[in-house]
Amino acid sequence: MTTSVRLPNRVEQALAAYCVETQRSKSEVIIELLEQRFSLVESEATPYERAEAAGFIGCVDGGEAAGSYKERARAAMVAKHAAKHGGA
């Protein structure tokens, strides 16, 4: 894909000098810098935020009848202890 960008003279001169110095094309340098910039933006997200965005965090919707996780956990513990101690 071709994209045109208007650069200020000082930036154009600095880019040209850098390209001569490193023997690289303007396109190579600009692409590298943009890739670095966008990889930094991604790395600023926490691992939790990345996992949440990817859909790995959350739970399957159990619906209204299933109750909240806290309610289900409490009911499971009560049932476990009641069975262990011979209660109801």
PDB file of N, CA and C in Angstrom:
ATOM      1  N   MET A   1       0.844  -1.171   0.000  1.00  0.00           N
ATOM      2  CA  MET A   1       0.000   0.000   0.000  1.00  0.00           C
ATOM      3  C   MET A   1       0.889   1.234   0.000  1.00  0.00           C
ATOM      4  N   THR A   2       0.525   2.188  -0.763  1.00  0.00           N
ATOM      5  CA  THR A   2       1.287   3.428  -0.844  1.00  0.00           C
ATOM      6  C   THR A   2       0.621   4.492  -0.003  1.00  0.00           C
ATOM      7  N   THR A   3       1.424   5.186   0.790  1.00  0.00           N
ATOM      8  CA  THR A   3       0.930   6.277   1.626  1.00  0.00           C
ATOM      9  C   THR A   3       1.874   7.451   1.467  1.00  0.00           C
ATOM     10  N   SER A   4       1.308   8.625   1.291  1.00  0.00           N
ATOM     11  CA  SER A   4       2.127   9.832   1.183  1.00  0.00           C
ATOM     12  C   SER A   4       2.056  10.599   2.490  1.00  0.00           C
ATOM     13  N   VAL A   5       3.208  11.093   2.918  1.00  0.00           N
ATOM     14  CA  VAL A   5       3.280  11.864   4.146  1.00  0.00           C
ATOM     15  C   VAL A   5       4.089  13.121   3.872  1.00  0.00           C
ATOM     16  N   ARG A   6       3.567  14.253   4.313  1.00  0.00           N
ATOM     17  CA  ARG A   6       4.288  15.515   4.149  1.00  0.00           C
ATOM     18  C   ARG A   6       5.126  15.724   5.407  1.00  0.00           C
ATOM     19  N   LEU A   7       6.446  15.770   5.241  1.00  0.00           N
ATOM     20  CA  LEU A   7       7.365  15.930   6.374  1.00  0.00           C
ATOM     21  C   LEU A   7       7.902  17.354   6.422  1.00  0.00           C
ATOM     22  N   PRO A   8       8.091  17.881   7.615  1.00  0.00           N
ATOM     23  CA  PRO A   8       8.767  19.186   7.719  1.00  0.00           C
ATOM     24  C   PRO A   8      10.204  19.053   7.183  1.00  0.00           C
ATOM     25  N   ASN A   9      10.763  20.138   6.704  1.00  0.00           N
ATOM     26  CA  ASN A   9      12.102  20.114   6.105  1.00  0.00           C
ATOM     27  C   ASN A   9      13.144  19.506   7.043  1.00  0.00           C
ATOM     28  N   ARG A  10      13.106  19.882   8.320  1.00  0.00           N
ATOM     29  CA  ARG A  10      14.116  19.383   9.256  1.00  0.00           C
ATOM     30  C   ARG A  10      14.020  17.861   9.403  1.00  0.00           C
ATOM     31  N   VAL A  11      12.797  17.324   9.387  1.00  0.00           N
ATOM     32  CA  VAL A  11      12.616  15.870   9.507  1.00  0.00           C
ATOM     33  C   VAL A  11      13.066  15.182   8.226  1.00  0.00           C
ATOM     34  N   GLU A  12      12.728  15.759   7.099  1.00  0.00           N
ATOM     35  CA  GLU A  12      13.143  15.200   5.800  1.00  0.00           C
ATOM     36  C   GLU A  12      14.671  15.160   5.694  1.00  0.00           C
ATOM     37  N   GLN A  13      15.339  16.231   6.128  1.00  0.00           N
ATOM     38  CA  GLN A  13      16.797  16.273   6.082  1.00  0.00           C
ATOM     39  C   GLN A  13      17.410  15.254   7.041  1.00  0.00           C
ATOM     40  N   ALA A  14      16.855  15.134   8.226  1.00  0.00           N
ATOM     41  CA  ALA A  14      17.363  14.160   9.190  1.00  0.00           C
ATOM     42  C   ALA A  14      17.162  12.736   8.674  1.00  0.00           C
ATOM     43  N   LEU A  15      16.017  12.469   8.071  1.00  0.00           N
ATOM     44  CA  LEU A  15      15.740  11.151   7.505  1.00  0.00           C
ATOM     45  C   LEU A  15      16.699  10.835   6.364  1.00  0.00           C
ATOM     46  N   ALA A  16      16.913  11.789   5.482  1.00  0.00           N
ATOM     47  CA  ALA A  16      17.824  11.590   4.356  1.00  0.00           C
ATOM     48  C   ALA A  16      19.254  11.326   4.847  1.00  0.00           C
ATOM     49  N   ALA A  17      19.699  12.102   5.823  1.00  0.00           N
ATOM     50  CA  ALA A  17      21.050  11.912   6.362  1.00  0.00           C
ATOM     51  C   ALA A  17      21.177  10.539   7.018  1.00  0.00           C
ATOM     52  N   TYR A  18      20.158  10.140   7.761  1.00  0.00           N
ATOM     53  CA  TYR A  18      20.185   8.835   8.424  1.00  0.00           C
ATOM     54  C   TYR A  18      20.220   7.700   7.392  1.00  0.00           C
ATOM     55  N   CYS A  19      19.447   7.845   6.326  1.00  0.00           N
ATOM     56  CA  CYS A  19      19.409   6.817   5.290  1.00  0.00           C
ATOM     57  C   CYS A  19      20.760   6.670   4.582  1.00  0.00           C
ATOM     58  N   VAL A  20      21.434   7.794   4.328  1.00  0.00           N
ATOM     59  CA  VAL A  20      22.764   7.748   3.710  1.00  0.00           C
ATOM     60  C   VAL A  20      23.745   7.085   4.672  1.00  0.00           C
ATOM     61  N   GLU A  21      23.677   7.476   5.922  1.00  0.00           N
ATOM     62  CA  GLU A  21      24.580   6.948   6.946  1.00  0.00           C
ATOM     63  C   GLU A  21      24.415   5.438   7.148  1.00  0.00           C
ATOM     64  N   THR A  22      23.181   4.958   7.126  1.00  0.00           N
ATOM     65  CA  THR A  22      22.914   3.538   7.391  1.00  0.00           C
ATOM     66  C   THR A  22      22.736   2.715   6.117  1.00  0.00           C
ATOM     67  N   GLN A  23      22.770   3.394   4.965  1.00  0.00           N
ATOM     68  CA  GLN A  23      22.594   2.749   3.652  1.00  0.00           C
ATOM     69  C   GLN A  23      21.271   1.981   3.594  1.00  0.00           C
ATOM     70  N   ARG A  24      20.224   2.646   4.040  1.00  0.00           N
ATOM     71  CA  ARG A  24      18.883   2.061   4.013  1.00  0.00           C
ATOM     72  C   ARG A  24      17.951   3.020   3.292  1.00  0.00           C
ATOM     73  N   SER A  25      16.852   2.486   2.782  1.00  0.00           N
ATOM     74  CA  SER A  25      15.887   3.340   2.090  1.00  0.00           C
ATOM     75  C   SER A  25      14.996   4.050   3.099  1.00  0.00           C
ATOM     76  N   LYS A  26      14.368   5.132   2.654  1.00  0.00           N
ATOM     77  CA  LYS A  26      13.442   5.863   3.512  1.00  0.00           C
ATOM     78  C   LYS A  26      12.288   4.951   3.932  1.00  0.00           C
ATOM     79  N   SER A  27      11.808   4.157   3.003  1.00  0.00           N
ATOM     80  CA  SER A  27      10.697   3.250   3.319  1.00  0.00           C
ATOM     81  C   SER A  27      11.067   2.277   4.430  1.00  0.00           C
ATOM     82  N   GLU A  28      12.251   1.693   4.356  1.00  0.00           N
ATOM     83  CA  GLU A  28      12.694   0.745   5.385  1.00  0.00           C
ATOM     84  C   GLU A  28      12.716   1.402   6.766  1.00  0.00           C
ATOM     85  N   VAL A  29      13.277   2.602   6.825  1.00  0.00           N
ATOM     86  CA  VAL A  29      13.408   3.307   8.100  1.00  0.00           C
ATOM     87  C   VAL A  29      12.035   3.677   8.648  1.00  0.00           C
ATOM     88  N   ILE A  30      11.167   4.200   7.801  1.00  0.00           N
ATOM     89  CA  ILE A  30       9.834   4.613   8.249  1.00  0.00           C
ATOM     90  C   ILE A  30       9.026   3.406   8.713  1.00  0.00           C
ATOM     91  N   ILE A  31       9.076   2.308   7.970  1.00  0.00           N
ATOM     92  CA  ILE A  31       8.347   1.095   8.357  1.00  0.00           C
ATOM     93  C   ILE A  31       8.855   0.579   9.697  1.00  0.00           C
ATOM     94  N   GLU A  32      10.161   0.536   9.869  1.00  0.00           N
ATOM     95  CA  GLU A  32      10.735   0.068  11.131  1.00  0.00           C
ATOM     96  C   GLU A  32      10.276   0.934  12.305  1.00  0.00           C
ATOM     97  N   LEU A  33      10.316   2.246  12.130  1.00  0.00           N
ATOM     98  CA  LEU A  33       9.911   3.152  13.198  1.00  0.00           C
ATOM     99  C   LEU A  33       8.421   3.010  13.527  1.00  0.00           C
ATOM    100  N   LEU A  34       7.583   2.852  12.512  1.00  0.00           N
ATOM    101  CA  LEU A  34       6.152   2.672  12.759  1.00  0.00           C
ATOM    102  C   LEU A  34       5.874   1.348  13.467  1.00  0.00           C
ATOM    103  N   GLU A  35       6.574   0.291  13.058  1.00  0.00           N
ATOM    104  CA  GLU A  35       6.398  -1.004  13.729  1.00  0.00           C
ATOM    105  C   GLU A  35       6.817  -0.919  15.194  1.00  0.00           C
ATOM    106  N   GLN A  36       7.921  -0.243  15.461  1.00  0.00           N
ATOM    107  CA  GLN A  36       8.358  -0.061  16.842  1.00  0.00           C
ATOM    108  C   GLN A  36       7.320   0.716  17.642  1.00  0.00           C
ATOM    109  N   ARG A  37       6.795   1.759  17.056  1.00  0.00           N
ATOM    110  CA  ARG A  37       5.809   2.595  17.745  1.00  0.00           C
ATOM    111  C   ARG A  37       4.560   1.794  18.093  1.00  0.00           C
ATOM    112  N   PHE A  38       4.058   1.025  17.141  1.00  0.00           N
ATOM    113  CA  PHE A  38       2.828   0.281  17.385  1.00  0.00           C
ATOM    114  C   PHE A  38       3.057  -0.896  18.311  1.00  0.00           C
ATOM    115  N   SER A  39       4.230  -1.476  18.333  1.00  0.00           N
ATOM    116  CA  SER A  39       4.500  -2.562  19.279  1.00  0.00           C
ATOM    117  C   SER A  39       4.604  -2.000  20.695  1.00  0.00           C
ATOM    118  N   LEU A  40       5.054  -0.752  20.859  1.00  0.00           N
ATOM    119  CA  LEU A  40       5.104  -0.119  22.180  1.00  0.00           C
ATOM    120  C   LEU A  40       3.708   0.129  22.716  1.00  0.00           C
ATOM    121  N   VAL A  41       2.795   0.525  21.847  1.00  0.00           N
ATOM    122  CA  VAL A  41       1.419   0.776  22.274  1.00  0.00           C
ATOM    123  C   VAL A  41       0.811  -0.517  22.804  1.00  0.00           C
ATOM    124  N   GLU A  42       1.036  -1.638  22.113  1.00  0.00           N
ATOM    125  CA  GLU A  42       0.506  -2.912  22.550  1.00  0.00           C
ATOM    126  C   GLU A  42       1.130  -3.351  23.866  1.00  0.00           C
ATOM    127  N   SER A  43       2.426  -3.095  24.044  1.00  0.00           N
ATOM    128  CA  SER A  43       3.098  -3.572  25.237  1.00  0.00           C
ATOM    129  C   SER A  43       2.705  -2.772  26.483  1.00  0.00           C
ATOM    130  N   GLU A  44       2.062  -1.616  26.311  1.00  0.00           N
ATOM    131  CA  GLU A  44       1.630  -0.829  27.455  1.00  0.00           C
ATOM    132  C   GLU A  44       0.420  -1.461  28.149  1.00  0.00           C
ATOM    133  N   ALA A  45      -0.285  -2.334  27.451  1.00  0.00           N
ATOM    134  CA  ALA A  45      -1.427  -3.015  28.055  1.00  0.00           C
ATOM    135  C   ALA A  45      -0.904  -4.085  29.015  1.00  0.00           C
ATOM    136  N   THR A  46      -1.613  -4.239  30.121  1.00  0.00           N
ATOM    137  CA  THR A  46      -1.217  -5.262  31.084  1.00  0.00           C
ATOM    138  C   THR A  46      -1.590  -6.638  30.537  1.00  0.00           C
ATOM    139  N   PRO A  47      -0.959  -7.694  31.045  1.00  0.00           N
ATOM    140  CA  PRO A  47      -1.339  -9.032  30.608  1.00  0.00           C
ATOM    141  C   PRO A  47      -2.824  -9.312  30.823  1.00  0.00           C
ATOM    142  N   TYR A  48      -3.385  -8.807  31.920  1.00  0.00           N
ATOM    143  CA  TYR A  48      -4.819  -8.982  32.183  1.00  0.00           C
ATOM    144  C   TYR A  48      -5.646  -8.334  31.074  1.00  0.00           C
ATOM    145  N   GLU A  49      -5.279  -7.097  30.702  1.00  0.00           N
ATOM    146  CA  GLU A  49      -6.015  -6.380  29.662  1.00  0.00           C
ATOM    147  C   GLU A  49      -5.921  -7.099  28.320  1.00  0.00           C
ATOM    148  N   ARG A  50      -4.748  -7.642  28.004  1.00  0.00           N
ATOM    149  CA  ARG A  50      -4.602  -8.395  26.753  1.00  0.00           C
ATOM    150  C   ARG A  50      -5.451  -9.656  26.756  1.00  0.00           C
ATOM    151  N   ALA A  51      -5.448 -10.380  27.879  1.00  0.00           N
ATOM    152  CA  ALA A  51      -6.242 -11.606  27.979  1.00  0.00           C
ATOM    153  C   ALA A  51      -7.731 -11.294  27.921  1.00  0.00           C
ATOM    154  N   GLU A  52      -8.128 -10.213  28.556  1.00  0.00           N
ATOM    155  CA  GLU A  52      -9.534  -9.819  28.532  1.00  0.00           C
ATOM    156  C   GLU A  52      -9.952  -9.448  27.111  1.00  0.00           C
ATOM    157  N   ALA A  53      -9.114  -8.695  26.404  1.00  0.00           N
ATOM    158  CA  ALA A  53      -9.422  -8.295  25.033  1.00  0.00           C
ATOM    159  C   ALA A  53      -9.493  -9.506  24.101  1.00  0.00           C
ATOM    160  N   ALA A  54      -8.689 -10.525  24.388  1.00  0.00           N
ATOM    161  CA  ALA A  54      -8.686 -11.729  23.559  1.00  0.00           C
ATOM    162  C   ALA A  54      -9.844 -12.665  23.892  1.00  0.00           C
ATOM    163  N   GLY A  55     -10.582 -12.352  24.968  1.00  0.00           N
ATOM    164  CA  GLY A  55     -11.731 -13.161  25.333  1.00  0.00           C
ATOM    165  C   GLY A  55     -11.407 -14.314  26.263  1.00  0.00           C
ATOM    166  N   PHE A  56     -10.225 -14.315  26.862  1.00  0.00           N
ATOM    167  CA  PHE A  56      -9.836 -15.403  27.757  1.00  0.00           C
ATOM    168  C   PHE A  56     -10.310 -15.183  29.188  1.00  0.00           C
ATOM    169  N   ILE A  57     -10.706 -13.972  29.520  1.00  0.00           N
ATOM    170  CA  ILE A  57     -11.117 -13.680  30.893  1.00  0.00           C
ATOM    171  C   ILE A  57     -12.613 -13.421  30.901  1.00  0.00           C
ATOM    172  N   GLY A  58     -13.256 -14.001  31.869  1.00  0.00           N
ATOM    173  CA  GLY A  58     -14.700 -13.914  31.987  1.00  0.00           C
ATOM    174  C   GLY A  58     -15.208 -15.329  32.198  1.00  0.00           C
ATOM    175  N   CYS A  59     -16.473 -15.473  32.316  1.00  0.00           N
ATOM    176  CA  CYS A  59     -17.004 -16.811  32.494  1.00  0.00           C
ATOM    177  C   CYS A  59     -18.180 -17.006  31.567  1.00  0.00           C
ATOM    178  N   VAL A  60     -18.540 -18.242  31.413  1.00  0.00           N
ATOM    179  CA  VAL A  60     -19.697 -18.561  30.598  1.00  0.00           C
ATOM    180  C   VAL A  60     -20.920 -18.080  31.357  1.00  0.00           C
ATOM    181  N   ASP A  61     -21.798 -17.432  30.682  1.00  0.00           N
ATOM    182  CA  ASP A  61     -23.001 -16.906  31.323  1.00  0.00           C
ATOM    183  C   ASP A  61     -23.878 -18.058  31.768  1.00  0.00           C
ATOM    184  N   GLY A  62     -24.059 -18.162  33.062  1.00  0.00           N
ATOM    185  CA  GLY A  62     -24.879 -19.237  33.600  1.00  0.00           C
ATOM    186  C   GLY A  62     -26.345 -18.872  33.654  1.00  0.00           C
ATOM    187  N   GLY A  63     -26.685 -17.676  33.292  1.00  0.00           N
ATOM    188  CA  GLY A  63     -28.075 -17.244  33.321  1.00  0.00           C
ATOM    189  C   GLY A  63     -28.501 -16.837  34.714  1.00  0.00           C
ATOM    190  N   GLU A  64     -29.691 -16.323  34.830  1.00  0.00           N
ATOM    191  CA  GLU A  64     -30.223 -15.851  36.108  1.00  0.00           C
ATOM    192  C   GLU A  64     -30.352 -16.974  37.130  1.00  0.00           C
ATOM    193  N   ALA A  65     -30.807 -18.162  36.685  1.00  0.00           N
ATOM    194  CA  ALA A  65     -31.077 -19.255  37.610  1.00  0.00           C
ATOM    195  C   ALA A  65     -29.808 -19.774  38.280  1.00  0.00           C
ATOM    196  N   ALA A  66     -28.689 -19.646  37.614  1.00  0.00           N
ATOM    197  CA  ALA A  66     -27.446 -20.197  38.148  1.00  0.00           C
ATOM    198  C   ALA A  66     -26.917 -19.369  39.316  1.00  0.00           C
ATOM    199  N   GLY A  67     -27.289 -18.114  39.431  1.00  0.00           N
ATOM    200  CA  GLY A  67     -26.809 -17.263  40.510  1.00  0.00           C
ATOM    201  C   GLY A  67     -25.395 -16.781  40.250  1.00  0.00           C
ATOM    202  N   SER A  68     -24.916 -15.975  41.152  1.00  0.00           N
ATOM    203  CA  SER A  68     -23.574 -15.442  40.992  1.00  0.00           C
ATOM    204  C   SER A  68     -22.537 -16.498  41.349  1.00  0.00           C
ATOM    205  N   TYR A  69     -21.337 -16.263  40.960  1.00  0.00           N
ATOM    206  CA  TYR A  69     -20.244 -17.187  41.279  1.00  0.00           C
ATOM    207  C   TYR A  69     -20.122 -17.337  42.785  1.00  0.00           C
ATOM    208  N   LYS A  70     -20.221 -16.218  43.494  1.00  0.00           N
ATOM    209  CA  LYS A  70     -20.089 -16.245  44.956  1.00  0.00           C
ATOM    210  C   LYS A  70     -21.187 -17.121  45.575  1.00  0.00           C
ATOM    211  N   GLU A  71     -22.406 -16.985  45.097  1.00  0.00           N
ATOM    212  CA  GLU A  71     -23.517 -17.791  45.620  1.00  0.00           C
ATOM    213  C   GLU A  71     -23.312 -19.274  45.331  1.00  0.00           C
ATOM    214  N   ARG A  72     -22.863 -19.588  44.123  1.00  0.00           N
ATOM    215  CA  ARG A  72     -22.636 -20.998  43.765  1.00  0.00           C
ATOM    216  C   ARG A  72     -21.489 -21.593  44.576  1.00  0.00           C
ATOM    217  N   ALA A  73     -20.429 -20.811  44.803  1.00  0.00           N
ATOM    218  CA  ALA A  73     -19.291 -21.297  45.592  1.00  0.00           C
ATOM    219  C   ALA A  73     -19.722 -21.548  47.033  1.00  0.00           C
ATOM    220  N   ARG A  74     -20.504 -20.624  47.599  1.00  0.00           N
ATOM    221  CA  ARG A  74     -20.986 -20.786  48.963  1.00  0.00           C
ATOM    222  C   ARG A  74     -21.861 -22.040  49.081  1.00  0.00           C
ATOM    223  N   ALA A  75     -22.760 -22.247  48.118  1.00  0.00           N
ATOM    224  CA  ALA A  75     -23.642 -23.417  48.134  1.00  0.00           C
ATOM    225  C   ALA A  75     -22.833 -24.710  48.027  1.00  0.00           C
ATOM    226  N   ALA A  76     -21.788 -24.706  47.201  1.00  0.00           N
ATOM    227  CA  ALA A  76     -20.947 -25.897  47.055  1.00  0.00           C
ATOM    228  C   ALA A  76     -20.210 -26.206  48.353  1.00  0.00           C
ATOM    229  N   MET A  77     -19.712 -25.173  49.046  1.00  0.00           N
ATOM    230  CA  MET A  77     -19.007 -25.388  50.313  1.00  0.00           C
ATOM    231  C   MET A  77     -19.958 -25.897  51.394  1.00  0.00           C
ATOM    232  N   VAL A  78     -21.151 -25.324  51.445  1.00  0.00           N
ATOM    233  CA  VAL A  78     -22.144 -25.777  52.431  1.00  0.00           C
ATOM    234  C   VAL A  78     -22.490 -27.235  52.180  1.00  0.00           C
ATOM    235  N   ALA A  79     -22.711 -27.590  50.922  1.00  0.00           N
ATOM    236  CA  ALA A  79     -23.057 -28.971  50.579  1.00  0.00           C
ATOM    237  C   ALA A  79     -21.910 -29.919  50.916  1.00  0.00           C
ATOM    238  N   LYS A  80     -20.689 -29.510  50.644  1.00  0.00           N
ATOM    239  CA  LYS A  80     -19.528 -30.353  50.924  1.00  0.00           C
ATOM    240  C   LYS A  80     -19.405 -30.607  52.420  1.00  0.00           C
ATOM    241  N   HIS A  81     -19.505 -29.563  53.223  1.00  0.00           N
ATOM    242  CA  HIS A  81     -19.351 -29.689  54.671  1.00  0.00           C
ATOM    243  C   HIS A  81     -20.541 -30.418  55.308  1.00  0.00           C
ATOM    244  N   ALA A  82     -21.726 -30.208  54.749  1.00  0.00           N
ATOM    245  CA  ALA A  82     -22.909 -30.907  55.276  1.00  0.00           C
ATOM    246  C   ALA A  82     -22.780 -32.413  55.045  1.00  0.00           C
ATOM    247  N   ALA A  83     -22.291 -32.791  53.872  1.00  0.00           N
ATOM    248  CA  ALA A  83     -22.128 -34.211  53.554  1.00  0.00           C
ATOM    249  C   ALA A  83     -21.008 -34.810  54.405  1.00  0.00           C
ATOM    250  N   LYS A  84     -19.961 -34.061  54.635  1.00  0.00           N
ATOM    251  CA  LYS A  84     -18.801 -34.537  55.392  1.00  0.00           C
ATOM    252  C   LYS A  84     -19.152 -34.744  56.861  1.00  0.00           C
ATOM    253  N   HIS A  85     -20.001 -33.878  57.398  1.00  0.00           N
ATOM    254  CA  HIS A  85     -20.349 -33.936  58.814  1.00  0.00           C
ATOM    255  C   HIS A  85     -21.738 -34.541  59.064  1.00  0.00           C
ATOM    256  N   GLY A  86     -22.313 -35.140  58.042  1.00  0.00           N
ATOM    257  CA  GLY A  86     -23.595 -35.823  58.196  1.00  0.00           C
ATOM    258  C   GLY A  86     -24.775 -34.891  58.336  1.00  0.00           C
ATOM    259  N   GLY A  87     -24.633 -33.656  57.958  1.00  0.00           N
ATOM    260  CA  GLY A  87     -25.734 -32.708  58.076  1.00  0.00           C
ATOM    261  C   GLY A  87     -26.612 -32.730  56.842  1.00  0.00           C
ATOM    262  N   ALA A  88     -27.548 -31.818  56.778  1.00  0.00           N
ATOM    263  CA  ALA A  88     -28.495 -31.760  55.677  1.00  0.00           C
ATOM    264  C   ALA A  88     -27.954 -31.089  54.489  1.00  0.00           C
TER     265      ALA A  88
END
